[in-house]
């Protein structure tokens, strides 16, 4: 079956991609989670949480950290509406501010084409991990016939201009992707099986972490002697 790769630009004032949040402390990982991104794609297609994720279960996922952003911690309080005398509960929410990521999803050509069409006219509004985190730009960054690994290597650097100007001609970006068969990596419990609120289920997946070298289009602005020429 022909394969394609869907490319996503995940950028916004705030993002939050938790994989181990519990109770009143909601953390975020340093990069978008597979479960979070596939949940966003399912929502764009109009798939409800209680419906099976059959067509998305076999896709491969990877992400490149184009701009790491800054970790923020927010304190929130809540009070029961049914008991006005109840004490307020304190909760912590963690976010990534001013971050930019390139996410890639590889699957069958028909599936990827369907996801591309859904992102152009999403059924439910996409958000970056939490409903309070809208994207800054259109999420869709195109599709390619390249494998996921090549797409993460070859795609242009998506960081903001002010961030790129602080780096040289070549920059190393951290990336994480699904491991291939017999490829050793780290185990992460981030493979969505069901988003049903009554019984959410996630499986373990193997991921590899590595560095991607990309060209900086704003490198001349970083070199104080660039205007003198060679």
N, C-alpha and C. Protein backbone atom coordinates (compact mmCIF):
# COMPACT_ATOMS: atom_id res chain seq x y z
N UNK A 1 0.85 -1.20 0.00
CA UNK A 1 0.00 0.00 0.00
C UNK A 1 0.88 1.25 0.00
N UNK A 2 0.62 2.21 -0.89
CA UNK A 2 1.42 3.46 -0.89
C UNK A 2 1.30 4.19 0.44
N UNK A 3 2.43 4.73 0.89
CA UNK A 3 2.48 5.46 2.16
C UNK A 3 2.71 6.95 1.90
N UNK A 4 2.20 7.79 2.78
CA UNK A 4 2.43 9.23 2.74
C UNK A 4 2.66 9.71 4.16
N UNK A 5 3.18 10.92 4.27
CA UNK A 5 3.42 11.52 5.58
C UNK A 5 2.74 12.88 5.65
N UNK A 6 1.97 13.06 6.70
CA UNK A 6 1.28 14.32 6.99
C UNK A 6 2.17 15.17 7.88
N UNK A 7 2.35 16.45 7.52
CA UNK A 7 3.21 17.36 8.27
C UNK A 7 2.37 18.44 8.95
N UNK A 8 2.63 18.66 10.24
CA UNK A 8 1.85 19.58 11.05
C UNK A 8 2.76 20.61 11.71
N UNK A 9 2.33 21.86 11.66
CA UNK A 9 3.04 22.93 12.38
C UNK A 9 2.26 23.23 13.66
N UNK A 10 2.86 22.90 14.79
CA UNK A 10 2.20 23.08 16.08
C UNK A 10 2.85 24.26 16.78
N UNK A 11 2.22 25.42 16.70
CA UNK A 11 2.76 26.65 17.26
C UNK A 11 1.62 27.46 17.87
N UNK A 12 1.87 28.03 19.04
CA UNK A 12 0.85 28.83 19.68
C UNK A 12 1.40 29.51 20.91
N UNK A 13 0.65 30.45 21.49
CA UNK A 13 1.11 31.11 22.71
C UNK A 13 1.40 30.11 23.83
N UNK A 14 0.54 29.06 23.94
CA UNK A 14 0.74 28.04 24.96
C UNK A 14 0.33 26.68 24.39
N UNK A 15 1.04 25.65 24.82
CA UNK A 15 0.70 24.27 24.49
C UNK A 15 0.85 23.43 25.75
N UNK A 16 0.18 22.27 25.79
CA UNK A 16 0.33 21.37 26.92
C UNK A 16 0.06 19.95 26.45
N UNK A 17 1.06 19.08 26.60
CA UNK A 17 1.00 17.72 26.07
C UNK A 17 1.35 16.72 27.17
N UNK A 18 0.46 16.53 28.09
CA UNK A 18 0.72 15.63 29.22
C UNK A 18 0.47 14.17 28.87
N UNK A 19 1.31 13.28 29.39
CA UNK A 19 1.10 11.84 29.23
C UNK A 19 1.02 11.12 30.57
N UNK A 20 1.28 11.84 31.66
CA UNK A 20 1.24 11.19 32.98
C UNK A 20 0.54 12.06 34.01
N UNK A 21 -0.33 12.96 33.58
CA UNK A 21 -1.01 13.86 34.52
C UNK A 21 -2.02 13.10 35.36
N UNK A 22 -2.10 13.46 36.62
CA UNK A 22 -3.05 12.84 37.52
C UNK A 22 -3.65 13.88 38.46
N UNK A 23 -4.94 13.78 38.70
CA UNK A 23 -5.64 14.54 39.72
C UNK A 23 -5.44 16.05 39.52
N UNK A 24 -4.93 16.76 40.54
CA UNK A 24 -4.88 18.22 40.46
C UNK A 24 -3.56 18.73 39.90
N UNK A 25 -2.64 17.86 39.56
CA UNK A 25 -1.35 18.29 38.99
C UNK A 25 -1.29 17.83 37.55
N UNK A 26 -1.38 18.76 36.60
CA UNK A 26 -1.41 18.44 35.18
C UNK A 26 -0.14 18.96 34.51
N UNK A 27 0.77 18.04 34.23
CA UNK A 27 2.06 18.41 33.68
C UNK A 27 2.01 18.44 32.15
N UNK A 28 3.12 18.82 31.55
CA UNK A 28 3.27 18.75 30.10
C UNK A 28 4.62 18.14 29.77
N UNK A 29 4.67 17.34 28.71
CA UNK A 29 5.94 16.85 28.20
C UNK A 29 6.64 17.97 27.44
N UNK A 30 7.91 17.75 27.09
CA UNK A 30 8.66 18.79 26.39
C UNK A 30 8.37 18.79 24.89
N UNK A 31 7.60 17.79 24.41
CA UNK A 31 7.24 17.71 23.00
C UNK A 31 5.82 17.14 22.88
N UNK A 32 5.12 17.41 21.79
CA UNK A 32 3.77 16.89 21.61
C UNK A 32 3.72 15.36 21.72
N UNK A 33 2.68 14.85 22.35
CA UNK A 33 2.50 13.42 22.52
C UNK A 33 1.76 12.83 21.32
N UNK A 34 2.00 11.54 21.08
CA UNK A 34 1.29 10.86 19.99
C UNK A 34 -0.20 10.82 20.27
N UNK A 35 -0.57 10.54 21.52
CA UNK A 35 -1.98 10.47 21.86
C UNK A 35 -2.67 11.82 21.68
N UNK A 36 -1.95 12.91 22.03
CA UNK A 36 -2.54 14.24 21.88
C UNK A 36 -2.75 14.62 20.43
N UNK A 37 -1.76 14.35 19.59
CA UNK A 37 -1.86 14.72 18.18
C UNK A 37 -2.88 13.85 17.46
N UNK A 38 -2.90 12.55 17.73
CA UNK A 38 -3.90 11.69 17.09
C UNK A 38 -5.30 12.03 17.57
N UNK A 39 -5.43 12.44 18.82
CA UNK A 39 -6.74 12.90 19.30
C UNK A 39 -7.20 14.14 18.57
N UNK A 40 -6.27 15.06 18.30
CA UNK A 40 -6.61 16.27 17.55
C UNK A 40 -7.04 15.92 16.12
N UNK A 41 -6.35 14.96 15.48
CA UNK A 41 -6.71 14.56 14.12
C UNK A 41 -8.06 13.84 14.09
N UNK A 42 -8.31 13.01 15.09
CA UNK A 42 -9.61 12.34 15.16
C UNK A 42 -10.73 13.36 15.32
N UNK A 43 -10.51 14.38 16.15
CA UNK A 43 -11.52 15.42 16.34
C UNK A 43 -11.76 16.20 15.05
N UNK A 44 -10.68 16.46 14.30
CA UNK A 44 -10.84 17.17 13.03
C UNK A 44 -11.72 16.38 12.06
N UNK A 45 -11.64 15.04 12.14
CA UNK A 45 -12.46 14.20 11.28
C UNK A 45 -13.87 14.02 11.82
N UNK A 46 -14.14 14.50 13.03
CA UNK A 46 -15.47 14.36 13.61
C UNK A 46 -15.67 13.08 14.39
N UNK A 47 -14.58 12.37 14.71
CA UNK A 47 -14.68 11.14 15.49
C UNK A 47 -14.92 11.50 16.96
N UNK A 48 -15.98 10.97 17.54
CA UNK A 48 -16.27 11.23 18.95
C UNK A 48 -15.37 10.37 19.85
N UNK A 49 -15.21 10.81 21.09
CA UNK A 49 -14.33 10.10 22.02
C UNK A 49 -14.76 8.66 22.24
N UNK A 50 -16.05 8.41 22.20
CA UNK A 50 -16.56 7.07 22.46
C UNK A 50 -16.45 6.15 21.25
N UNK A 51 -16.07 6.68 20.09
CA UNK A 51 -15.97 5.87 18.89
C UNK A 51 -14.59 5.25 18.76
N UNK A 52 -14.47 4.09 18.10
CA UNK A 52 -13.16 3.43 17.97
C UNK A 52 -12.20 4.22 17.09
N UNK A 53 -10.91 4.03 17.34
CA UNK A 53 -9.86 4.73 16.59
C UNK A 53 -9.22 3.81 15.55
N UNK A 54 -9.99 2.91 14.99
CA UNK A 54 -9.47 1.83 14.17
C UNK A 54 -8.49 2.31 13.11
N UNK A 55 -8.84 3.31 12.33
CA UNK A 55 -7.99 3.69 11.20
C UNK A 55 -6.72 4.42 11.62
N UNK A 56 -6.67 4.92 12.84
CA UNK A 56 -5.48 5.65 13.30
C UNK A 56 -4.52 4.78 14.11
N UNK A 57 -4.89 3.55 14.39
CA UNK A 57 -4.09 2.73 15.30
C UNK A 57 -2.76 2.31 14.70
N UNK A 58 -2.65 2.24 13.39
CA UNK A 58 -1.43 1.73 12.79
C UNK A 58 -0.45 2.78 12.28
N UNK A 59 -0.71 4.07 12.50
CA UNK A 59 0.15 5.11 11.94
C UNK A 59 1.43 5.25 12.75
N UNK A 60 2.49 5.77 12.11
CA UNK A 60 3.74 6.09 12.78
C UNK A 60 3.77 7.59 13.05
N UNK A 61 4.44 7.96 14.15
CA UNK A 61 4.43 9.35 14.60
C UNK A 61 5.84 9.79 14.96
N UNK A 62 6.13 11.05 14.65
CA UNK A 62 7.40 11.65 15.05
C UNK A 62 7.24 13.15 15.21
N UNK A 63 8.14 13.76 15.95
CA UNK A 63 8.07 15.21 16.17
C UNK A 63 9.47 15.77 16.27
N UNK A 64 9.64 16.98 15.73
CA UNK A 64 10.92 17.69 15.79
C UNK A 64 10.71 18.97 16.58
N UNK A 65 11.60 19.25 17.50
CA UNK A 65 11.46 20.43 18.36
C UNK A 65 12.15 21.61 17.69
N UNK A 66 11.39 22.41 16.98
CA UNK A 66 11.97 23.53 16.23
C UNK A 66 12.23 24.74 17.12
N UNK A 67 11.44 24.89 18.18
CA UNK A 67 11.61 25.99 19.12
C UNK A 67 11.11 25.50 20.48
N UNK A 68 12.01 25.24 21.44
CA UNK A 68 11.60 24.55 22.67
C UNK A 68 10.57 25.27 23.52
N UNK A 69 10.58 26.59 23.50
CA UNK A 69 9.65 27.33 24.33
C UNK A 69 10.10 27.36 25.79
N UNK A 70 9.24 27.87 26.64
CA UNK A 70 9.52 28.04 28.07
C UNK A 70 8.43 27.38 28.89
N UNK A 71 8.82 26.64 29.93
CA UNK A 71 7.85 25.99 30.80
C UNK A 71 7.20 27.02 31.73
N UNK A 72 5.86 27.00 31.79
CA UNK A 72 5.11 27.88 32.68
C UNK A 72 4.27 27.03 33.63
N UNK A 73 4.12 27.52 34.85
CA UNK A 73 3.25 26.85 35.82
C UNK A 73 2.14 27.80 36.23
N UNK A 74 0.92 27.32 36.19
CA UNK A 74 -0.25 28.15 36.51
C UNK A 74 -1.01 27.51 37.66
N UNK A 75 -1.34 28.32 38.65
CA UNK A 75 -2.16 27.85 39.76
C UNK A 75 -3.62 28.22 39.50
N UNK A 76 -4.51 27.26 39.73
CA UNK A 76 -5.94 27.50 39.53
C UNK A 76 -6.70 27.01 40.76
N UNK A 77 -7.81 27.67 41.04
CA UNK A 77 -8.68 27.23 42.13
C UNK A 77 -10.06 26.94 41.57
N UNK A 78 -10.73 26.00 42.19
CA UNK A 78 -12.09 25.65 41.78
C UNK A 78 -12.93 25.39 43.02
N UNK A 79 -14.22 25.65 42.89
CA UNK A 79 -15.13 25.47 44.02
C UNK A 79 -16.39 24.77 43.54
N UNK A 80 -16.93 23.89 44.34
CA UNK A 80 -18.13 23.15 43.98
C UNK A 80 -19.34 24.09 43.88
N UNK A 81 -20.10 23.98 42.80
CA UNK A 81 -21.31 24.78 42.64
C UNK A 81 -22.45 24.27 43.52
N UNK A 82 -22.40 22.98 43.86
CA UNK A 82 -23.48 22.39 44.67
C UNK A 82 -23.29 22.63 46.16
N UNK A 83 -22.07 23.02 46.57
CA UNK A 83 -21.80 23.24 47.99
C UNK A 83 -21.02 24.55 48.15
N UNK A 84 -21.71 25.67 48.29
CA UNK A 84 -21.03 26.97 48.37
C UNK A 84 -20.11 27.11 49.58
N UNK A 85 -20.25 26.23 50.59
CA UNK A 85 -19.42 26.30 51.78
C UNK A 85 -18.16 25.44 51.68
N UNK A 86 -18.03 24.72 50.59
CA UNK A 86 -16.87 23.85 50.42
C UNK A 86 -15.61 24.68 50.21
N UNK A 87 -14.51 24.14 50.66
CA UNK A 87 -13.23 24.82 50.48
C UNK A 87 -12.81 24.76 49.01
N UNK A 88 -12.11 25.79 48.59
CA UNK A 88 -11.62 25.83 47.21
C UNK A 88 -10.48 24.83 47.04
N UNK A 89 -10.46 24.15 45.91
CA UNK A 89 -9.40 23.19 45.59
C UNK A 89 -8.34 23.87 44.74
N UNK A 90 -7.09 23.60 45.05
CA UNK A 90 -5.97 24.18 44.32
C UNK A 90 -5.45 23.17 43.31
N UNK A 91 -5.20 23.62 42.08
CA UNK A 91 -4.68 22.75 41.04
C UNK A 91 -3.51 23.44 40.34
N UNK A 92 -2.58 22.64 39.81
CA UNK A 92 -1.44 23.15 39.05
C UNK A 92 -1.59 22.73 37.59
N UNK A 93 -1.34 23.67 36.70
CA UNK A 93 -1.35 23.39 35.26
C UNK A 93 -0.03 23.86 34.67
N UNK A 94 0.63 23.01 33.90
CA UNK A 94 1.90 23.34 33.29
C UNK A 94 1.73 23.50 31.78
N UNK A 95 2.43 24.47 31.20
CA UNK A 95 2.32 24.78 29.77
C UNK A 95 3.70 25.04 29.19
N UNK A 96 3.80 24.90 27.87
CA UNK A 96 4.95 25.35 27.11
C UNK A 96 4.57 26.64 26.39
N UNK A 97 5.27 27.71 26.67
CA UNK A 97 4.97 29.00 26.06
C UNK A 97 5.93 29.27 24.90
N UNK A 98 5.40 29.81 23.81
CA UNK A 98 6.20 30.24 22.65
C UNK A 98 7.01 29.08 22.07
N UNK A 99 6.40 27.90 21.98
CA UNK A 99 7.08 26.73 21.42
C UNK A 99 6.58 26.46 20.00
N UNK A 100 7.43 25.83 19.19
CA UNK A 100 7.07 25.47 17.82
C UNK A 100 7.58 24.06 17.55
N UNK A 101 6.71 23.22 16.99
CA UNK A 101 7.08 21.84 16.69
C UNK A 101 6.66 21.47 15.27
N UNK A 102 7.43 20.60 14.67
CA UNK A 102 7.04 19.95 13.42
C UNK A 102 6.67 18.52 13.76
N UNK A 103 5.41 18.16 13.58
CA UNK A 103 4.94 16.80 13.84
C UNK A 103 4.67 16.11 12.52
N UNK A 104 4.93 14.81 12.48
CA UNK A 104 4.75 14.03 11.26
C UNK A 104 3.99 12.76 11.57
N UNK A 105 3.01 12.44 10.72
CA UNK A 105 2.21 11.22 10.86
C UNK A 105 2.29 10.46 9.55
N UNK A 106 2.79 9.22 9.59
CA UNK A 106 2.94 8.41 8.39
C UNK A 106 1.92 7.28 8.38
N UNK A 107 1.25 7.11 7.24
CA UNK A 107 0.26 6.05 7.10
C UNK A 107 -0.09 5.83 5.65
N UNK A 108 -1.13 5.04 5.42
CA UNK A 108 -1.58 4.80 4.06
C UNK A 108 -1.99 6.09 3.37
N UNK A 109 -1.77 6.15 2.04
CA UNK A 109 -2.03 7.38 1.30
C UNK A 109 -3.47 7.84 1.44
N UNK A 110 -4.42 6.92 1.40
CA UNK A 110 -5.83 7.30 1.50
C UNK A 110 -6.13 7.90 2.87
N UNK A 111 -5.57 7.32 3.92
CA UNK A 111 -5.78 7.85 5.27
C UNK A 111 -5.19 9.24 5.40
N UNK A 112 -3.96 9.43 4.93
CA UNK A 112 -3.30 10.73 5.05
C UNK A 112 -4.06 11.79 4.24
N UNK A 113 -4.53 11.43 3.06
CA UNK A 113 -5.31 12.39 2.26
C UNK A 113 -6.59 12.78 2.99
N UNK A 114 -7.20 11.82 3.68
CA UNK A 114 -8.41 12.12 4.45
C UNK A 114 -8.13 13.03 5.62
N UNK A 115 -7.00 12.83 6.28
CA UNK A 115 -6.63 13.70 7.41
C UNK A 115 -6.31 15.10 6.92
N UNK A 116 -5.65 15.20 5.77
CA UNK A 116 -5.36 16.52 5.19
C UNK A 116 -6.66 17.27 4.91
N UNK A 117 -7.62 16.59 4.30
CA UNK A 117 -8.91 17.23 4.00
C UNK A 117 -9.63 17.65 5.28
N UNK A 118 -9.53 16.81 6.33
CA UNK A 118 -10.19 17.14 7.59
C UNK A 118 -9.58 18.37 8.24
N UNK A 119 -8.26 18.54 8.15
CA UNK A 119 -7.62 19.70 8.75
C UNK A 119 -7.94 20.98 7.98
N UNK A 120 -8.24 20.85 6.70
CA UNK A 120 -8.63 22.04 5.94
C UNK A 120 -10.02 22.53 6.35
N UNK A 121 -10.88 21.59 6.73
CA UNK A 121 -12.22 21.94 7.19
C UNK A 121 -12.56 21.07 8.40
N UNK A 122 -11.97 21.37 9.57
CA UNK A 122 -12.12 20.49 10.73
C UNK A 122 -13.55 20.48 11.28
N UNK A 123 -13.98 19.30 11.69
CA UNK A 123 -15.31 19.16 12.30
C UNK A 123 -15.33 19.79 13.69
N UNK A 124 -14.30 19.50 14.49
CA UNK A 124 -14.13 20.12 15.80
C UNK A 124 -12.86 20.97 15.77
N UNK A 125 -12.87 22.06 16.50
CA UNK A 125 -11.74 22.99 16.51
C UNK A 125 -10.48 22.33 17.05
N UNK A 126 -9.38 22.34 16.30
CA UNK A 126 -8.12 21.79 16.83
C UNK A 126 -7.56 22.68 17.94
N UNK A 127 -6.90 22.05 18.90
CA UNK A 127 -6.20 22.80 19.93
C UNK A 127 -4.94 22.03 20.31
N UNK A 128 -4.02 22.72 20.95
CA UNK A 128 -2.68 22.18 21.19
C UNK A 128 -2.59 21.53 22.57
N UNK A 129 -3.26 20.41 22.71
CA UNK A 129 -3.20 19.64 23.94
C UNK A 129 -4.34 19.91 24.89
N UNK A 130 -4.72 21.16 25.06
CA UNK A 130 -5.87 21.52 25.90
C UNK A 130 -6.73 22.53 25.18
N UNK A 131 -7.99 22.59 25.54
CA UNK A 131 -8.92 23.50 24.86
C UNK A 131 -8.53 24.96 25.04
N UNK A 132 -7.78 25.26 26.08
CA UNK A 132 -7.35 26.65 26.33
C UNK A 132 -6.13 27.04 25.51
N UNK A 133 -5.67 26.14 24.62
CA UNK A 133 -4.44 26.38 23.86
C UNK A 133 -4.72 26.35 22.36
N UNK A 134 -5.23 27.43 21.77
CA UNK A 134 -5.49 27.45 20.33
C UNK A 134 -4.19 27.60 19.54
N UNK A 135 -4.14 27.09 18.32
CA UNK A 135 -2.95 27.26 17.48
C UNK A 135 -2.83 28.69 16.98
N UNK A 136 -1.58 29.13 16.76
CA UNK A 136 -1.32 30.47 16.26
C UNK A 136 -1.48 30.55 14.74
N UNK A 137 -1.15 29.45 14.06
CA UNK A 137 -1.20 29.38 12.60
C UNK A 137 -2.02 28.17 12.19
N UNK A 138 -2.40 28.09 10.91
CA UNK A 138 -3.01 26.84 10.43
C UNK A 138 -2.09 25.66 10.73
N UNK A 139 -2.65 24.58 11.24
CA UNK A 139 -1.84 23.43 11.66
C UNK A 139 -1.26 22.69 10.47
N UNK A 140 -2.01 22.56 9.40
CA UNK A 140 -1.56 21.77 8.26
C UNK A 140 -0.36 22.42 7.59
N UNK A 141 0.73 21.63 7.43
CA UNK A 141 1.93 22.11 6.75
C UNK A 141 2.19 21.33 5.47
N UNK A 142 1.23 20.49 5.06
CA UNK A 142 1.34 19.77 3.80
C UNK A 142 1.52 18.28 3.98
N UNK A 143 1.67 17.57 2.88
CA UNK A 143 1.95 16.13 2.88
C UNK A 143 3.13 15.86 1.95
N UNK A 144 3.73 14.69 2.11
CA UNK A 144 4.86 14.31 1.28
C UNK A 144 4.87 12.80 1.10
N UNK A 145 5.48 12.35 0.02
CA UNK A 145 5.65 10.92 -0.21
C UNK A 145 6.87 10.38 0.52
N UNK A 146 7.65 11.25 1.15
CA UNK A 146 8.83 10.81 1.89
C UNK A 146 8.44 10.02 3.13
N UNK A 147 9.27 9.08 3.56
CA UNK A 147 9.06 8.44 4.86
C UNK A 147 9.15 9.46 5.98
N UNK A 148 8.62 9.10 7.11
CA UNK A 148 8.57 10.01 8.25
C UNK A 148 9.96 10.54 8.62
N UNK A 149 10.96 9.66 8.67
CA UNK A 149 12.31 10.08 9.04
C UNK A 149 12.84 11.15 8.10
N UNK A 150 12.67 10.94 6.79
CA UNK A 150 13.17 11.90 5.81
C UNK A 150 12.42 13.22 5.90
N UNK A 151 11.13 13.15 6.16
CA UNK A 151 10.33 14.37 6.28
C UNK A 151 10.81 15.22 7.46
N UNK A 152 11.13 14.58 8.58
CA UNK A 152 11.63 15.33 9.73
C UNK A 152 13.02 15.91 9.46
N UNK A 153 13.80 15.23 8.62
CA UNK A 153 15.15 15.72 8.29
C UNK A 153 15.11 16.88 7.30
N UNK A 154 14.22 16.80 6.32
CA UNK A 154 14.27 17.70 5.16
C UNK A 154 13.42 18.95 5.28
N UNK A 155 12.40 18.95 6.12
CA UNK A 155 11.47 20.08 6.15
C UNK A 155 12.16 21.33 6.69
N UNK A 156 11.77 22.48 6.16
CA UNK A 156 12.35 23.75 6.59
C UNK A 156 12.14 23.98 8.08
N UNK A 157 13.05 24.75 8.66
CA UNK A 157 12.98 25.09 10.07
C UNK A 157 11.80 26.02 10.31
N UNK A 158 10.95 25.68 11.25
CA UNK A 158 9.71 26.42 11.47
C UNK A 158 9.79 27.43 12.62
N UNK A 159 10.93 27.56 13.25
CA UNK A 159 11.05 28.49 14.38
C UNK A 159 10.80 29.93 13.94
N UNK A 160 10.42 30.76 14.89
CA UNK A 160 10.20 32.18 14.62
C UNK A 160 11.52 32.85 14.23
N UNK A 161 11.41 33.93 13.46
CA UNK A 161 12.60 34.62 12.96
C UNK A 161 13.49 35.10 14.12
N UNK A 162 12.89 35.60 15.19
CA UNK A 162 13.70 36.11 16.31
C UNK A 162 14.50 34.98 16.95
N UNK A 163 13.98 33.76 16.90
CA UNK A 163 14.70 32.61 17.45
C UNK A 163 15.81 32.16 16.49
N UNK A 164 15.52 32.15 15.18
CA UNK A 164 16.51 31.71 14.20
C UNK A 164 17.72 32.64 14.17
N UNK A 165 17.49 33.93 14.37
CA UNK A 165 18.59 34.89 14.29
C UNK A 165 19.64 34.70 15.37
N UNK A 166 19.33 33.92 16.38
CA UNK A 166 20.29 33.67 17.46
C UNK A 166 21.18 32.46 17.19
N UNK A 167 21.06 31.85 16.00
CA UNK A 167 21.80 30.64 15.69
C UNK A 167 22.61 30.79 14.40
N UNK A 168 23.53 29.86 14.20
CA UNK A 168 24.40 29.89 13.03
C UNK A 168 23.76 29.25 11.81
N UNK A 169 24.61 28.94 10.81
CA UNK A 169 24.11 28.46 9.52
C UNK A 169 23.47 27.08 9.61
N UNK A 170 23.97 26.23 10.50
CA UNK A 170 23.39 24.91 10.72
C UNK A 170 23.02 24.81 12.20
N UNK A 171 21.87 24.20 12.45
CA UNK A 171 21.42 24.06 13.83
C UNK A 171 20.96 22.63 14.07
N UNK A 172 21.26 22.09 15.23
CA UNK A 172 20.83 20.75 15.60
C UNK A 172 19.53 20.80 16.39
N UNK A 173 18.52 20.11 15.92
CA UNK A 173 17.21 20.08 16.56
C UNK A 173 16.93 18.69 17.10
N UNK A 174 16.39 18.63 18.30
CA UNK A 174 16.03 17.35 18.89
C UNK A 174 14.76 16.80 18.24
N UNK A 175 14.75 15.49 18.02
CA UNK A 175 13.59 14.83 17.42
C UNK A 175 13.32 13.53 18.17
N UNK A 176 12.06 13.09 18.13
CA UNK A 176 11.67 11.82 18.73
C UNK A 176 10.61 11.20 17.81
N UNK A 177 10.75 9.91 17.54
CA UNK A 177 9.81 9.23 16.63
C UNK A 177 9.61 7.79 17.06
N UNK A 178 8.57 7.18 16.51
CA UNK A 178 8.32 5.76 16.73
C UNK A 178 9.51 4.95 16.23
N UNK A 179 9.93 3.99 17.03
CA UNK A 179 11.01 3.11 16.62
C UNK A 179 10.52 2.12 15.57
N UNK A 180 11.39 1.75 14.67
CA UNK A 180 11.08 0.71 13.70
C UNK A 180 11.30 -0.66 14.35
N UNK A 181 10.78 -1.74 13.74
CA UNK A 181 10.99 -3.08 14.30
C UNK A 181 12.47 -3.36 14.52
N UNK A 182 12.79 -3.93 15.66
CA UNK A 182 14.15 -4.30 16.07
C UNK A 182 15.03 -3.08 16.35
N UNK A 183 14.46 -1.89 16.35
CA UNK A 183 15.20 -0.69 16.71
C UNK A 183 15.01 -0.41 18.19
N UNK A 184 16.10 -0.29 18.94
CA UNK A 184 16.01 -0.11 20.38
C UNK A 184 15.74 1.35 20.73
N UNK A 185 14.89 1.58 21.73
CA UNK A 185 14.58 2.94 22.14
C UNK A 185 14.05 2.97 23.56
N UNK A 186 13.34 4.03 23.88
CA UNK A 186 12.72 4.19 25.20
C UNK A 186 11.25 3.81 25.11
N UNK A 187 10.70 3.30 26.21
CA UNK A 187 9.28 2.94 26.27
C UNK A 187 8.48 4.11 26.83
N UNK A 188 7.41 4.46 26.13
CA UNK A 188 6.53 5.56 26.53
C UNK A 188 5.08 5.06 26.45
N UNK A 189 4.31 5.30 27.49
CA UNK A 189 2.90 4.88 27.47
C UNK A 189 2.06 5.98 26.84
N UNK A 190 2.07 5.98 25.51
CA UNK A 190 1.51 7.11 24.78
C UNK A 190 0.83 6.66 23.48
N UNK A 191 0.55 5.38 23.35
CA UNK A 191 -0.12 4.86 22.16
C UNK A 191 -1.61 4.77 22.44
N UNK A 192 -2.44 5.67 21.83
CA UNK A 192 -3.86 5.66 22.16
C UNK A 192 -4.56 4.40 21.67
N UNK A 193 -5.35 3.80 22.52
CA UNK A 193 -6.18 2.66 22.17
C UNK A 193 -7.65 3.06 22.18
N UNK A 194 -8.03 3.88 23.17
CA UNK A 194 -9.40 4.37 23.27
C UNK A 194 -9.41 5.69 24.02
N UNK A 195 -10.17 6.66 23.50
CA UNK A 195 -10.36 7.95 24.17
C UNK A 195 -11.69 8.00 24.93
N UNK A 196 -12.39 6.89 25.02
CA UNK A 196 -13.68 6.85 25.70
C UNK A 196 -13.51 7.31 27.14
N UNK A 197 -14.21 8.38 27.57
CA UNK A 197 -14.04 8.89 28.94
C UNK A 197 -14.33 7.85 30.01
N UNK A 198 -15.13 6.85 29.68
CA UNK A 198 -15.46 5.82 30.65
C UNK A 198 -14.31 4.83 30.85
N UNK A 199 -13.43 4.73 29.87
CA UNK A 199 -12.33 3.76 29.97
C UNK A 199 -11.23 4.13 28.98
N UNK A 200 -10.50 5.20 29.29
CA UNK A 200 -9.38 5.58 28.43
C UNK A 200 -8.29 4.52 28.52
N UNK A 201 -7.69 4.20 27.39
CA UNK A 201 -6.65 3.18 27.37
C UNK A 201 -5.48 3.63 26.48
N UNK A 202 -4.28 3.41 27.01
CA UNK A 202 -3.06 3.75 26.27
C UNK A 202 -2.10 2.58 26.36
N UNK A 203 -1.45 2.27 25.25
CA UNK A 203 -0.47 1.19 25.21
C UNK A 203 0.94 1.78 25.20
N UNK A 204 1.94 0.92 25.42
CA UNK A 204 3.32 1.34 25.38
C UNK A 204 3.82 1.36 23.95
N UNK A 205 4.71 2.28 23.65
CA UNK A 205 5.36 2.32 22.35
C UNK A 205 6.84 2.61 22.55
N UNK A 206 7.65 2.14 21.61
CA UNK A 206 9.09 2.37 21.65
C UNK A 206 9.41 3.61 20.81
N UNK A 207 10.20 4.52 21.37
CA UNK A 207 10.58 5.73 20.65
C UNK A 207 12.09 5.86 20.64
N UNK A 208 12.62 6.49 19.60
CA UNK A 208 14.04 6.81 19.52
C UNK A 208 14.19 8.33 19.52
N UNK A 209 15.24 8.80 20.17
CA UNK A 209 15.53 10.23 20.27
C UNK A 209 16.86 10.50 19.59
N UNK A 210 16.93 11.57 18.82
CA UNK A 210 18.14 11.84 18.06
C UNK A 210 18.16 13.32 17.68
N UNK A 211 19.22 13.73 16.97
CA UNK A 211 19.38 15.13 16.58
C UNK A 211 19.31 15.25 15.06
N UNK A 212 18.56 16.24 14.59
CA UNK A 212 18.42 16.54 13.17
C UNK A 212 19.15 17.84 12.88
N UNK A 213 19.95 17.87 11.83
CA UNK A 213 20.64 19.09 11.42
C UNK A 213 19.87 19.77 10.30
N UNK A 214 19.52 21.04 10.49
CA UNK A 214 18.77 21.79 9.48
C UNK A 214 19.50 23.09 9.17
N UNK A 215 19.19 23.63 7.99
CA UNK A 215 19.79 24.90 7.56
C UNK A 215 19.01 26.07 8.14
N UNK A 216 19.73 27.09 8.52
CA UNK A 216 19.12 28.29 9.10
C UNK A 216 19.01 29.37 8.03
N UNK A 217 17.80 29.75 7.58
CA UNK A 217 17.68 30.77 6.54
C UNK A 217 18.04 32.17 7.01
N UNK A 218 18.14 32.37 8.34
CA UNK A 218 18.48 33.68 8.88
C UNK A 218 19.89 33.72 9.44
N UNK A 219 20.76 32.81 8.97
CA UNK A 219 22.11 32.73 9.53
C UNK A 219 22.90 34.01 9.30
N UNK A 220 22.70 34.70 8.16
CA UNK A 220 23.45 35.92 7.87
C UNK A 220 23.23 36.98 8.94
N UNK A 221 22.03 37.01 9.49
CA UNK A 221 21.73 38.02 10.53
C UNK A 221 22.49 37.70 11.82
N UNK A 222 22.94 36.43 11.96
CA UNK A 222 23.66 36.04 13.15
C UNK A 222 25.16 36.39 13.06
N UNK A 223 25.66 36.50 11.84
CA UNK A 223 27.10 36.75 11.62
C UNK A 223 27.35 38.24 11.48
N UNK A 224 28.06 38.87 12.42
CA UNK A 224 28.28 40.33 12.36
C UNK A 224 29.15 40.76 11.20
N UNK A 225 29.89 39.82 10.54
CA UNK A 225 30.75 40.16 9.44
C UNK A 225 30.19 39.71 8.09
N UNK A 226 28.92 39.22 8.08
CA UNK A 226 28.36 38.66 6.85
C UNK A 226 28.27 39.71 5.76
N UNK A 227 28.02 40.98 6.12
CA UNK A 227 27.82 42.00 5.08
C UNK A 227 29.10 42.36 4.34
N UNK A 228 30.30 41.93 4.84
CA UNK A 228 31.55 42.20 4.16
C UNK A 228 31.77 41.27 2.98
N UNK A 229 31.01 40.17 2.93
CA UNK A 229 31.18 39.21 1.84
C UNK A 229 32.37 38.31 2.09
N UNK A 230 32.73 37.51 1.07
CA UNK A 230 33.85 36.56 1.22
C UNK A 230 35.19 37.28 1.00
